[in-house]
């Protein structure tokens, strides 16, 4: 049996594009601020994202928990977006989630959030239309998600524009990373004690 804790256990990543998020209707978010799906400011890219007009703009989505999720290991999140000007603005973000079990009423994902995962204000590249990918933020989902939970209700919020103007930030989506559970018998599974370095 391998006992090297420098070897990272198998992880998977899921990317949730804004245009597939279930909180969008008629290209407008149902949540606070009502951000809209719009062409990326670099229109020739033909990319569509969530146009952030003001601090507090948010969108909700629903993520069924994967069958192979190791619930004893934390989820990690990161946000992908573009920034249309050459200003080194410093937006900050919050990802809130609520675990939902079968036959349990769905409530406000932020007001009843199990956890709010905050992303510190980070300066964007001073390059117009640059792709921005935030560093991973680790949750404490391993202490919150129960064996009876089937899904997460997730709120993706731009908490502050950090001097960016309206519609300068165009969110492409949310990425989630999780650890795969190999089997029920822990004697057959060794996981790294540290998250792997790098993207």
N, C-alpha and C. Protein backbone atom coordinates (compact mmCIF):
# COMPACT_ATOMS: atom_id res chain seq x y z
N UNK A 1 0.84 -1.19 0.00
CA UNK A 1 0.00 0.00 0.00
C UNK A 1 0.88 1.25 0.00
N UNK A 2 0.51 2.24 -0.80
CA UNK A 2 1.25 3.50 -0.85
C UNK A 2 0.98 4.30 0.41
N UNK A 3 2.04 4.78 1.05
CA UNK A 3 1.89 5.57 2.27
C UNK A 3 2.49 6.97 2.12
N UNK A 4 2.80 7.37 0.88
CA UNK A 4 3.45 8.65 0.64
C UNK A 4 2.40 9.76 0.66
N UNK A 5 2.41 10.58 1.70
CA UNK A 5 1.41 11.64 1.83
C UNK A 5 1.72 12.84 0.93
N UNK A 6 2.81 12.79 0.16
CA UNK A 6 3.07 13.84 -0.81
C UNK A 6 2.33 13.58 -2.12
N UNK A 7 1.74 12.42 -2.24
CA UNK A 7 0.96 12.10 -3.43
C UNK A 7 -0.48 12.57 -3.21
N UNK A 8 -0.94 13.44 -4.09
CA UNK A 8 -2.30 13.96 -3.96
C UNK A 8 -3.31 12.90 -4.39
N UNK A 9 -4.36 12.73 -3.60
CA UNK A 9 -5.42 11.82 -4.00
C UNK A 9 -6.17 12.41 -5.18
N UNK A 10 -6.79 11.55 -5.96
CA UNK A 10 -7.46 11.98 -7.18
C UNK A 10 -8.51 13.05 -6.91
N UNK A 11 -8.44 14.13 -7.68
CA UNK A 11 -9.41 15.21 -7.58
C UNK A 11 -10.09 15.42 -8.93
N UNK A 12 -11.30 15.93 -8.89
CA UNK A 12 -12.01 16.29 -10.10
C UNK A 12 -12.43 17.74 -10.02
N UNK A 13 -12.62 18.33 -11.21
CA UNK A 13 -13.05 19.72 -11.29
C UNK A 13 -14.27 19.85 -12.18
N UNK A 14 -15.20 20.68 -11.74
CA UNK A 14 -16.39 20.98 -12.52
C UNK A 14 -16.46 22.48 -12.75
N UNK A 15 -16.69 22.87 -14.00
CA UNK A 15 -16.82 24.29 -14.34
C UNK A 15 -18.28 24.58 -14.64
N UNK A 16 -18.85 25.56 -13.93
CA UNK A 16 -20.25 25.94 -14.10
C UNK A 16 -20.31 27.29 -14.81
N UNK A 17 -20.54 27.30 -16.12
CA UNK A 17 -20.62 28.58 -16.84
C UNK A 17 -21.83 29.39 -16.42
N UNK A 18 -21.70 30.70 -16.43
CA UNK A 18 -22.80 31.56 -15.99
C UNK A 18 -24.07 31.35 -16.80
N UNK A 19 -23.91 31.10 -18.10
CA UNK A 19 -25.11 31.00 -18.93
C UNK A 19 -25.92 29.75 -18.66
N UNK A 20 -25.35 28.80 -17.91
CA UNK A 20 -26.11 27.60 -17.55
C UNK A 20 -26.65 27.66 -16.13
N UNK A 21 -26.37 28.74 -15.42
CA UNK A 21 -26.80 28.83 -14.03
C UNK A 21 -28.31 28.97 -13.94
N UNK A 22 -28.91 28.23 -13.01
CA UNK A 22 -30.36 28.13 -12.96
C UNK A 22 -31.03 29.36 -12.38
N UNK A 23 -30.24 30.32 -11.90
CA UNK A 23 -30.81 31.56 -11.41
C UNK A 23 -31.01 32.59 -12.51
N UNK A 24 -30.78 32.21 -13.78
CA UNK A 24 -30.95 33.12 -14.90
C UNK A 24 -32.28 32.85 -15.59
N UNK A 25 -33.01 33.93 -15.88
CA UNK A 25 -34.26 33.81 -16.63
C UNK A 25 -34.36 35.01 -17.57
N UNK A 26 -34.62 34.74 -18.84
CA UNK A 26 -34.64 35.81 -19.85
C UNK A 26 -33.35 36.62 -19.81
N UNK A 27 -32.23 35.90 -19.58
CA UNK A 27 -30.88 36.48 -19.57
C UNK A 27 -30.62 37.44 -18.41
N UNK A 28 -31.51 37.46 -17.43
CA UNK A 28 -31.35 38.32 -16.26
C UNK A 28 -31.39 37.47 -15.01
N UNK A 29 -30.53 37.79 -14.04
CA UNK A 29 -30.51 37.06 -12.79
C UNK A 29 -31.75 37.36 -11.97
N UNK A 30 -32.30 36.32 -11.35
CA UNK A 30 -33.43 36.49 -10.45
C UNK A 30 -32.99 37.03 -9.09
N UNK A 31 -31.69 36.96 -8.82
CA UNK A 31 -31.19 37.32 -7.49
C UNK A 31 -30.93 38.81 -7.38
N UNK A 32 -30.33 39.20 -6.26
CA UNK A 32 -30.09 40.60 -5.95
C UNK A 32 -29.29 41.30 -7.05
N UNK A 33 -29.74 42.49 -7.45
CA UNK A 33 -29.00 43.29 -8.42
C UNK A 33 -29.38 42.99 -9.85
N UNK A 34 -29.86 41.78 -10.10
CA UNK A 34 -30.29 41.45 -11.45
C UNK A 34 -29.23 41.60 -12.52
N UNK A 35 -27.98 41.10 -12.30
CA UNK A 35 -26.98 41.19 -13.37
C UNK A 35 -27.46 40.42 -14.59
N UNK A 36 -27.00 40.84 -15.76
CA UNK A 36 -27.50 40.25 -17.00
C UNK A 36 -26.40 39.50 -17.73
N UNK A 37 -26.82 38.50 -18.49
CA UNK A 37 -25.90 37.84 -19.41
C UNK A 37 -25.68 38.77 -20.58
N UNK A 38 -24.41 38.94 -20.94
CA UNK A 38 -24.09 39.89 -22.01
C UNK A 38 -22.86 39.41 -22.77
N UNK A 39 -22.72 39.92 -23.97
CA UNK A 39 -21.51 39.63 -24.74
C UNK A 39 -20.31 40.17 -24.00
N UNK A 40 -19.24 39.41 -23.99
CA UNK A 40 -18.00 39.90 -23.41
C UNK A 40 -17.62 41.21 -24.07
N UNK A 41 -17.12 42.20 -23.30
CA UNK A 41 -16.76 43.49 -23.90
C UNK A 41 -15.80 43.35 -25.10
N UNK A 42 -14.99 42.29 -25.11
CA UNK A 42 -14.19 42.00 -26.30
C UNK A 42 -15.10 41.17 -27.21
N UNK A 43 -15.99 41.88 -27.91
CA UNK A 43 -17.11 41.23 -28.60
C UNK A 43 -16.66 40.19 -29.61
N UNK A 44 -15.50 40.39 -30.22
CA UNK A 44 -15.06 39.44 -31.24
C UNK A 44 -14.68 38.09 -30.65
N UNK A 45 -14.58 38.02 -29.31
CA UNK A 45 -14.32 36.72 -28.68
C UNK A 45 -15.57 35.83 -28.74
N UNK A 46 -16.73 36.47 -28.92
CA UNK A 46 -18.02 35.78 -28.97
C UNK A 46 -18.33 35.02 -27.68
N UNK A 47 -17.72 35.44 -26.57
CA UNK A 47 -18.01 34.84 -25.27
C UNK A 47 -19.14 35.60 -24.59
N UNK A 48 -19.96 34.88 -23.85
CA UNK A 48 -21.05 35.49 -23.08
C UNK A 48 -20.79 35.24 -21.61
N UNK A 49 -20.97 36.26 -20.79
CA UNK A 49 -20.78 36.13 -19.36
C UNK A 49 -21.77 36.97 -18.60
N UNK A 50 -21.59 37.00 -17.30
CA UNK A 50 -22.48 37.75 -16.42
C UNK A 50 -21.89 39.15 -16.21
N UNK A 51 -22.59 40.15 -16.68
CA UNK A 51 -22.11 41.53 -16.60
C UNK A 51 -22.44 42.11 -15.22
N UNK A 52 -21.39 42.49 -14.48
CA UNK A 52 -21.54 42.99 -13.11
C UNK A 52 -21.67 44.51 -13.14
N UNK A 53 -22.84 45.00 -12.74
CA UNK A 53 -23.10 46.43 -12.79
C UNK A 53 -22.79 47.14 -11.47
N UNK A 54 -22.92 46.41 -10.36
CA UNK A 54 -22.74 47.05 -9.06
C UNK A 54 -22.37 46.02 -8.01
N UNK A 55 -21.79 46.50 -6.92
CA UNK A 55 -21.47 45.61 -5.81
C UNK A 55 -22.75 44.96 -5.30
N UNK A 56 -22.67 43.68 -5.01
CA UNK A 56 -23.83 42.94 -4.53
C UNK A 56 -24.53 42.16 -5.62
N UNK A 57 -24.18 42.39 -6.89
CA UNK A 57 -24.77 41.60 -7.97
C UNK A 57 -24.47 40.13 -7.74
N UNK A 58 -25.46 39.28 -7.96
CA UNK A 58 -25.28 37.86 -7.67
C UNK A 58 -26.16 37.01 -8.57
N UNK A 59 -25.82 35.75 -8.64
CA UNK A 59 -26.64 34.77 -9.35
C UNK A 59 -26.58 33.46 -8.57
N UNK A 60 -27.70 32.74 -8.58
CA UNK A 60 -27.76 31.45 -7.90
C UNK A 60 -27.68 30.32 -8.92
N UNK A 61 -27.19 29.19 -8.47
CA UNK A 61 -27.27 27.99 -9.27
C UNK A 61 -27.41 26.78 -8.36
N UNK A 62 -27.62 25.63 -8.96
CA UNK A 62 -27.92 24.40 -8.24
C UNK A 62 -26.94 23.35 -8.72
N UNK A 63 -26.21 22.71 -7.79
CA UNK A 63 -25.19 21.73 -8.16
C UNK A 63 -25.47 20.40 -7.46
N UNK A 64 -25.93 19.38 -8.19
CA UNK A 64 -26.11 18.07 -7.59
C UNK A 64 -24.75 17.52 -7.14
N UNK A 65 -24.68 17.01 -5.93
CA UNK A 65 -23.42 16.48 -5.42
C UNK A 65 -23.03 15.23 -6.20
N UNK A 66 -21.77 15.15 -6.67
CA UNK A 66 -21.34 13.99 -7.47
C UNK A 66 -21.38 12.70 -6.65
N UNK A 67 -21.68 11.61 -7.31
CA UNK A 67 -21.78 10.32 -6.63
C UNK A 67 -20.44 9.91 -6.02
N UNK A 68 -19.33 10.37 -6.63
CA UNK A 68 -18.00 9.95 -6.17
C UNK A 68 -17.34 10.98 -5.25
N UNK A 69 -18.12 11.95 -4.76
CA UNK A 69 -17.57 12.97 -3.85
C UNK A 69 -17.18 12.35 -2.51
N UNK A 70 -15.95 12.62 -2.07
CA UNK A 70 -15.52 12.24 -0.73
C UNK A 70 -15.96 13.37 0.21
N UNK A 71 -17.01 13.14 0.95
CA UNK A 71 -17.59 14.19 1.80
C UNK A 71 -16.74 14.51 3.02
N UNK A 72 -15.71 13.69 3.26
CA UNK A 72 -14.82 13.97 4.39
C UNK A 72 -13.69 14.92 3.99
N UNK A 73 -13.65 15.33 2.73
CA UNK A 73 -12.64 16.27 2.23
C UNK A 73 -13.33 17.55 1.77
N UNK A 74 -12.71 18.71 1.97
CA UNK A 74 -13.37 19.99 1.64
C UNK A 74 -13.43 20.28 0.14
N UNK A 75 -14.51 20.94 -0.26
CA UNK A 75 -14.61 21.49 -1.61
C UNK A 75 -13.74 22.73 -1.71
N UNK A 76 -13.28 23.01 -2.93
CA UNK A 76 -12.57 24.26 -3.20
C UNK A 76 -13.26 24.96 -4.37
N UNK A 77 -13.22 26.29 -4.34
CA UNK A 77 -13.88 27.10 -5.35
C UNK A 77 -12.91 28.13 -5.94
N UNK A 78 -13.14 28.48 -7.21
CA UNK A 78 -12.49 29.65 -7.79
C UNK A 78 -13.36 30.22 -8.90
N UNK A 79 -13.18 31.51 -9.18
CA UNK A 79 -14.04 32.24 -10.11
C UNK A 79 -13.22 32.67 -11.31
N UNK A 80 -13.81 32.54 -12.49
CA UNK A 80 -13.20 32.97 -13.75
C UNK A 80 -13.97 34.19 -14.26
N UNK A 81 -13.26 35.24 -14.66
CA UNK A 81 -13.93 36.42 -15.20
C UNK A 81 -12.97 37.20 -16.09
N UNK A 82 -13.50 38.18 -16.79
CA UNK A 82 -12.66 39.10 -17.55
C UNK A 82 -12.91 40.51 -17.03
N UNK A 83 -11.95 41.39 -17.36
CA UNK A 83 -12.00 42.78 -16.90
C UNK A 83 -11.68 43.63 -18.12
N UNK A 84 -12.59 44.52 -18.49
CA UNK A 84 -12.51 45.14 -19.81
C UNK A 84 -11.59 46.34 -19.94
N UNK A 85 -11.06 46.86 -18.83
CA UNK A 85 -10.18 48.03 -18.93
C UNK A 85 -8.77 47.68 -18.44
N UNK A 86 -7.87 48.62 -18.60
CA UNK A 86 -6.48 48.42 -18.18
C UNK A 86 -6.22 48.90 -16.76
N UNK A 87 -7.28 49.19 -16.00
CA UNK A 87 -7.13 49.62 -14.61
C UNK A 87 -6.92 48.41 -13.71
N UNK A 88 -6.02 48.53 -12.75
CA UNK A 88 -5.75 47.43 -11.81
C UNK A 88 -6.76 47.47 -10.66
N UNK A 89 -8.02 47.27 -10.98
CA UNK A 89 -9.08 47.28 -9.97
C UNK A 89 -8.99 46.05 -9.08
N UNK A 90 -9.66 46.12 -7.92
CA UNK A 90 -9.53 45.05 -6.92
C UNK A 90 -10.90 44.54 -6.46
N UNK A 91 -11.63 43.86 -7.32
CA UNK A 91 -12.93 43.32 -6.89
C UNK A 91 -12.75 42.20 -5.87
N UNK A 92 -13.77 41.99 -5.06
CA UNK A 92 -13.77 40.85 -4.14
C UNK A 92 -15.10 40.11 -4.28
N UNK A 93 -15.08 38.84 -3.88
CA UNK A 93 -16.18 37.94 -4.18
C UNK A 93 -16.56 37.11 -2.97
N UNK A 94 -17.78 36.57 -3.01
CA UNK A 94 -18.24 35.63 -2.00
C UNK A 94 -19.02 34.51 -2.71
N UNK A 95 -18.70 33.28 -2.37
CA UNK A 95 -19.49 32.13 -2.81
C UNK A 95 -20.18 31.56 -1.58
N UNK A 96 -21.50 31.60 -1.57
CA UNK A 96 -22.29 31.05 -0.46
C UNK A 96 -22.96 29.77 -0.92
N UNK A 97 -23.03 28.80 -0.03
CA UNK A 97 -23.72 27.58 -0.42
C UNK A 97 -24.54 27.03 0.74
N UNK A 98 -25.57 26.29 0.35
CA UNK A 98 -26.46 25.65 1.32
C UNK A 98 -26.68 24.21 0.84
N UNK A 99 -26.38 23.24 1.70
CA UNK A 99 -26.60 21.84 1.36
C UNK A 99 -28.07 21.49 1.52
N UNK A 100 -28.60 20.72 0.58
CA UNK A 100 -30.03 20.41 0.56
C UNK A 100 -30.23 18.90 0.51
N UNK A 101 -31.06 18.40 1.39
CA UNK A 101 -31.40 16.99 1.43
C UNK A 101 -32.71 16.75 0.68
N UNK A 102 -32.95 15.51 0.32
CA UNK A 102 -34.20 15.13 -0.33
C UNK A 102 -35.38 15.39 0.62
N UNK A 103 -36.47 15.91 0.08
CA UNK A 103 -37.72 16.19 0.81
C UNK A 103 -37.58 17.30 1.84
N UNK A 104 -36.53 18.12 1.71
CA UNK A 104 -36.34 19.27 2.59
C UNK A 104 -36.55 20.54 1.76
N UNK A 105 -37.30 21.50 2.29
CA UNK A 105 -37.62 22.72 1.55
C UNK A 105 -36.36 23.50 1.18
N UNK A 106 -36.33 24.01 -0.03
CA UNK A 106 -35.25 24.90 -0.48
C UNK A 106 -35.56 26.30 0.03
N UNK A 107 -34.58 26.94 0.64
CA UNK A 107 -34.76 28.29 1.16
C UNK A 107 -33.72 29.21 0.55
N UNK A 108 -33.69 30.46 0.98
CA UNK A 108 -32.75 31.44 0.45
C UNK A 108 -31.32 30.95 0.65
N UNK A 109 -30.59 30.78 -0.44
CA UNK A 109 -29.25 30.21 -0.39
C UNK A 109 -28.25 31.06 0.36
N UNK A 110 -28.45 32.38 0.37
CA UNK A 110 -27.53 33.25 1.11
C UNK A 110 -27.97 33.46 2.55
N UNK A 111 -29.26 33.75 2.74
CA UNK A 111 -29.76 34.02 4.08
C UNK A 111 -29.60 32.78 4.96
N UNK A 112 -29.75 31.60 4.36
CA UNK A 112 -29.61 30.36 5.11
C UNK A 112 -28.36 29.59 4.75
N UNK A 113 -27.32 30.31 4.33
CA UNK A 113 -26.11 29.64 3.86
C UNK A 113 -25.45 28.81 4.96
N UNK A 114 -24.95 27.64 4.59
CA UNK A 114 -24.14 26.86 5.52
C UNK A 114 -22.76 27.50 5.68
N UNK A 115 -22.27 28.11 4.60
CA UNK A 115 -20.94 28.74 4.65
C UNK A 115 -20.87 29.83 3.60
N UNK A 116 -20.16 30.92 3.93
CA UNK A 116 -19.84 31.98 2.98
C UNK A 116 -18.33 31.93 2.74
N UNK A 117 -17.93 31.56 1.55
CA UNK A 117 -16.50 31.45 1.22
C UNK A 117 -16.07 32.76 0.57
N UNK A 118 -15.25 33.53 1.28
CA UNK A 118 -14.85 34.86 0.82
C UNK A 118 -13.55 34.81 0.04
N UNK A 119 -13.51 35.60 -1.03
CA UNK A 119 -12.30 35.78 -1.83
C UNK A 119 -11.79 37.19 -1.57
N UNK A 120 -10.59 37.31 -1.07
CA UNK A 120 -10.03 38.63 -0.75
C UNK A 120 -9.92 39.48 -2.01
N UNK A 121 -10.02 40.79 -1.83
CA UNK A 121 -9.84 41.71 -2.96
C UNK A 121 -8.48 41.47 -3.60
N UNK A 122 -8.49 41.28 -4.90
CA UNK A 122 -7.27 40.95 -5.63
C UNK A 122 -7.18 41.83 -6.86
N UNK A 123 -6.04 42.46 -7.06
CA UNK A 123 -5.85 43.33 -8.21
C UNK A 123 -5.85 42.52 -9.51
N UNK A 124 -6.62 43.00 -10.48
CA UNK A 124 -6.64 42.36 -11.79
C UNK A 124 -5.45 42.84 -12.61
N UNK A 125 -5.18 42.16 -13.70
CA UNK A 125 -4.09 42.56 -14.59
C UNK A 125 -4.41 43.91 -15.22
N UNK A 126 -3.39 44.75 -15.36
CA UNK A 126 -3.58 46.05 -16.00
C UNK A 126 -3.55 45.89 -17.51
N UNK A 127 -4.36 44.97 -18.00
CA UNK A 127 -4.47 44.65 -19.42
C UNK A 127 -5.95 44.53 -19.76
N UNK A 128 -6.40 45.32 -20.70
CA UNK A 128 -7.81 45.27 -21.06
C UNK A 128 -8.20 43.90 -21.60
N UNK A 129 -9.33 43.41 -21.18
CA UNK A 129 -9.93 42.15 -21.62
C UNK A 129 -9.14 40.92 -21.17
N UNK A 130 -8.29 41.08 -20.16
CA UNK A 130 -7.50 39.93 -19.69
C UNK A 130 -8.38 38.93 -18.97
N UNK A 131 -8.04 37.66 -19.12
CA UNK A 131 -8.70 36.59 -18.37
C UNK A 131 -8.17 36.61 -16.95
N UNK A 132 -9.07 36.56 -15.98
CA UNK A 132 -8.71 36.54 -14.57
C UNK A 132 -9.22 35.23 -13.95
N UNK A 133 -8.33 34.51 -13.28
CA UNK A 133 -8.70 33.27 -12.60
C UNK A 133 -8.22 33.41 -11.16
N UNK A 134 -9.16 33.45 -10.23
CA UNK A 134 -8.80 33.65 -8.83
C UNK A 134 -8.11 32.41 -8.26
N UNK A 135 -7.36 32.62 -7.19
CA UNK A 135 -6.77 31.49 -6.47
C UNK A 135 -7.88 30.67 -5.83
N UNK A 136 -7.61 29.40 -5.64
CA UNK A 136 -8.58 28.52 -5.00
C UNK A 136 -8.83 28.96 -3.55
N UNK A 137 -10.08 28.89 -3.14
CA UNK A 137 -10.44 29.09 -1.74
C UNK A 137 -11.05 27.79 -1.23
N UNK A 138 -10.55 27.33 -0.11
CA UNK A 138 -11.02 26.06 0.45
C UNK A 138 -12.17 26.29 1.42
N UNK A 139 -13.18 25.46 1.32
CA UNK A 139 -14.33 25.56 2.20
C UNK A 139 -14.14 24.66 3.42
N UNK A 140 -15.14 24.64 4.27
CA UNK A 140 -15.18 23.68 5.38
C UNK A 140 -16.36 22.73 5.17
N UNK A 141 -16.61 22.44 3.88
CA UNK A 141 -17.77 21.60 3.54
C UNK A 141 -17.69 20.22 4.17
N UNK A 142 -16.47 19.76 4.46
CA UNK A 142 -16.31 18.42 5.07
C UNK A 142 -16.95 18.35 6.46
N UNK A 143 -17.19 19.51 7.07
CA UNK A 143 -17.85 19.54 8.39
C UNK A 143 -19.33 19.90 8.28
N UNK A 144 -19.80 20.19 7.05
CA UNK A 144 -21.15 20.70 6.89
C UNK A 144 -22.06 19.82 6.04
N UNK A 145 -21.51 19.19 5.01
CA UNK A 145 -22.34 18.37 4.12
C UNK A 145 -22.61 17.02 4.78
N UNK A 146 -23.89 16.69 4.89
CA UNK A 146 -24.30 15.45 5.53
C UNK A 146 -24.45 14.33 4.49
N UNK A 147 -24.48 13.11 4.97
CA UNK A 147 -24.65 11.97 4.07
C UNK A 147 -26.00 11.99 3.38
N UNK A 148 -26.97 12.69 3.97
CA UNK A 148 -28.31 12.76 3.39
C UNK A 148 -28.46 13.88 2.37
N UNK A 149 -27.46 14.75 2.24
CA UNK A 149 -27.55 15.88 1.32
C UNK A 149 -27.35 15.42 -0.13
N UNK A 150 -28.13 16.02 -1.03
CA UNK A 150 -28.09 15.64 -2.44
C UNK A 150 -27.54 16.72 -3.35
N UNK A 151 -27.56 17.98 -2.91
CA UNK A 151 -27.19 19.08 -3.80
C UNK A 151 -26.75 20.28 -2.98
N UNK A 152 -26.13 21.23 -3.67
CA UNK A 152 -25.81 22.52 -3.08
C UNK A 152 -26.56 23.61 -3.85
N UNK A 153 -27.19 24.52 -3.12
CA UNK A 153 -27.69 25.76 -3.70
C UNK A 153 -26.57 26.77 -3.52
N UNK A 154 -26.07 27.33 -4.62
CA UNK A 154 -24.87 28.17 -4.59
C UNK A 154 -25.21 29.58 -5.05
N UNK A 155 -24.73 30.58 -4.31
CA UNK A 155 -24.84 31.98 -4.71
C UNK A 155 -23.44 32.51 -5.02
N UNK A 156 -23.26 33.02 -6.22
CA UNK A 156 -22.01 33.65 -6.64
C UNK A 156 -22.23 35.15 -6.65
N UNK A 157 -21.49 35.86 -5.78
CA UNK A 157 -21.73 37.30 -5.61
C UNK A 157 -20.44 38.10 -5.76
N UNK A 158 -20.54 39.19 -6.53
CA UNK A 158 -19.45 40.17 -6.54
C UNK A 158 -19.70 41.10 -5.35
N UNK A 159 -18.94 40.91 -4.29
CA UNK A 159 -19.17 41.63 -3.05
C UNK A 159 -18.78 43.11 -3.16
N UNK A 160 -17.74 43.39 -3.96
CA UNK A 160 -17.29 44.77 -4.14
C UNK A 160 -16.57 44.91 -5.46
N UNK A 161 -16.81 46.02 -6.16
CA UNK A 161 -16.20 46.23 -7.48
C UNK A 161 -14.72 46.62 -7.39
N UNK A 162 -14.29 47.12 -6.24
CA UNK A 162 -12.88 47.52 -6.11
C UNK A 162 -12.47 48.56 -7.11
N UNK A 163 -13.27 49.59 -7.29
CA UNK A 163 -13.04 50.73 -8.19
C UNK A 163 -13.39 50.45 -9.64
N UNK A 164 -13.77 49.25 -9.97
CA UNK A 164 -14.19 48.95 -11.34
C UNK A 164 -15.51 49.65 -11.64
N UNK A 165 -15.69 50.06 -12.87
CA UNK A 165 -16.93 50.68 -13.27
C UNK A 165 -17.99 49.65 -13.59
N UNK A 166 -19.22 50.13 -13.76
CA UNK A 166 -20.32 49.23 -14.11
C UNK A 166 -20.03 48.50 -15.41
N UNK A 167 -20.26 47.21 -15.42
CA UNK A 167 -20.14 46.34 -16.59
C UNK A 167 -18.70 46.14 -17.08
N UNK A 168 -17.72 46.52 -16.27
CA UNK A 168 -16.32 46.23 -16.63
C UNK A 168 -15.97 44.77 -16.35
N UNK A 169 -16.65 44.18 -15.37
CA UNK A 169 -16.38 42.80 -14.98
C UNK A 169 -17.41 41.88 -15.62
N UNK A 170 -16.92 40.84 -16.27
CA UNK A 170 -17.77 39.89 -16.98
C UNK A 170 -17.43 38.49 -16.49
N UNK A 171 -18.29 37.93 -15.63
CA UNK A 171 -18.01 36.63 -15.02
C UNK A 171 -18.28 35.51 -16.03
N UNK A 172 -17.30 34.63 -16.19
CA UNK A 172 -17.47 33.49 -17.09
C UNK A 172 -18.05 32.29 -16.36
N UNK A 173 -17.68 32.09 -15.09
CA UNK A 173 -18.24 30.97 -14.37
C UNK A 173 -17.53 30.66 -13.08
N UNK A 174 -18.00 29.60 -12.43
CA UNK A 174 -17.48 29.14 -11.15
C UNK A 174 -16.90 27.74 -11.34
N UNK A 175 -15.71 27.51 -10.81
CA UNK A 175 -15.09 26.19 -10.87
C UNK A 175 -15.08 25.59 -9.47
N UNK A 176 -15.41 24.31 -9.40
CA UNK A 176 -15.45 23.58 -8.13
C UNK A 176 -14.51 22.39 -8.23
N UNK A 177 -13.70 22.21 -7.20
CA UNK A 177 -12.82 21.05 -7.15
C UNK A 177 -13.19 20.20 -5.94
N UNK A 178 -13.24 18.87 -6.15
CA UNK A 178 -13.55 17.97 -5.05
C UNK A 178 -12.66 16.75 -5.10
N UNK A 179 -12.53 16.09 -3.96
CA UNK A 179 -11.74 14.87 -3.84
C UNK A 179 -12.64 13.67 -4.09
N UNK A 180 -12.10 12.73 -4.85
CA UNK A 180 -12.85 11.52 -5.16
C UNK A 180 -12.73 10.53 -4.01
N UNK A 181 -13.85 9.96 -3.61
CA UNK A 181 -13.84 8.90 -2.61
C UNK A 181 -13.60 7.56 -3.29
N UNK A 182 -12.50 6.91 -2.96
CA UNK A 182 -12.13 5.68 -3.66
C UNK A 182 -13.04 4.52 -3.28
N UNK A 183 -13.27 4.36 -2.00
CA UNK A 183 -14.09 3.25 -1.53
C UNK A 183 -14.49 3.52 -0.08
N UNK A 184 -15.38 2.72 0.44
CA UNK A 184 -15.87 2.96 1.79
C UNK A 184 -14.86 2.56 2.85
N UNK A 185 -13.95 1.67 2.49
CA UNK A 185 -12.96 1.18 3.45
C UNK A 185 -11.73 2.08 3.42
N UNK A 186 -11.52 2.87 4.46
CA UNK A 186 -10.42 3.84 4.45
C UNK A 186 -9.04 3.19 4.40
N UNK A 187 -8.95 1.90 4.73
CA UNK A 187 -7.65 1.24 4.68
C UNK A 187 -7.15 1.09 3.24
N UNK A 188 -8.06 1.30 2.28
CA UNK A 188 -7.68 1.22 0.87
C UNK A 188 -7.44 2.59 0.26
N UNK A 189 -7.41 3.59 1.08
CA UNK A 189 -7.34 4.96 0.55
C UNK A 189 -6.41 5.81 1.40
N UNK A 190 -5.40 6.35 0.74
CA UNK A 190 -4.53 7.33 1.38
C UNK A 190 -4.63 8.63 0.61
N UNK A 191 -4.83 9.72 1.33
CA UNK A 191 -4.99 11.02 0.69
C UNK A 191 -3.88 11.95 1.19
N UNK A 192 -3.49 12.88 0.32
CA UNK A 192 -2.52 13.86 0.75
C UNK A 192 -3.08 14.71 1.89
N UNK A 193 -2.21 15.16 2.76
CA UNK A 193 -2.65 16.05 3.84
C UNK A 193 -2.75 17.49 3.35
N UNK A 194 -2.16 17.77 2.19
CA UNK A 194 -2.15 19.13 1.65
C UNK A 194 -2.76 19.15 0.26
N UNK A 195 -3.40 20.26 -0.06
CA UNK A 195 -3.91 20.42 -1.41
C UNK A 195 -2.75 20.50 -2.39
N UNK A 196 -2.92 19.97 -3.63
CA UNK A 196 -1.84 20.04 -4.60
C UNK A 196 -1.53 21.49 -4.96
N UNK A 197 -0.29 21.74 -5.30
CA UNK A 197 0.15 23.09 -5.67
C UNK A 197 -0.13 23.32 -7.15
N UNK A 198 -0.55 24.52 -7.49
CA UNK A 198 -0.74 24.86 -8.89
C UNK A 198 -2.17 24.68 -9.34
N UNK A 199 -2.44 25.03 -10.60
CA UNK A 199 -3.79 24.99 -11.12
C UNK A 199 -4.27 23.56 -11.34
